[in-house]
Amino acid sequence: MSGDMDYGRLPAEDDDHFHRLDAHLVATDTLMATLDNIQATIDTKAMMVAYGAAGYGKTMSVNSALRKIAPDNTYRLELRSGPTPRDIRHGLFNALGLPGEPPTRPIEFDTLLKETLSQTFRVLVCDEAQGWAAVRSSTGATCGTTATPTSR
């Protein structure tokens, strides 16, 4: 992911790396399947994992689909490799653009995040989530590039 994108938001289409190559996005079967899968995931308020080898276009496909389907409801969660529960809380706080300072106590932090995420529909995108393997056992989170709708 580009270091200059707005934290928590989808990058603009012009920021996609293939534009630097004077290339254009083509509606391939795989790209259209990603679009359909993300639409179905959002419709059912489920979780989706896009996985594959590096450079196969997962991020580009997910970003492209979400720009069409949910551009105003998509939030990107950026975390370092092997994030702790604290890192995840702070990442969500930043991605959601919550005002003020983050709570210092985990119970207060969790309550704030649960209340915020239940207020309105959102899609959370966790790119480069393969680095989350170390946190999986402590949080129950799955690993992969995910697009996850949230709301009650």
Foldseek 3Di string as FASTA:
>chain_A
DDPPAQAFAQRDPCPPPCVVVVDDDDPDPVLVVLLVVVVVCLVVQHKDFDDDDPPPCPSVSNSVSCVVPPRPQETEQEADFQDEPVRRLVSLCRNVVPDDDQDPDPVVSVVVSLVVQAPDKHWYWYAPQQSNVNCCVVPVDDGHTMTGITHD
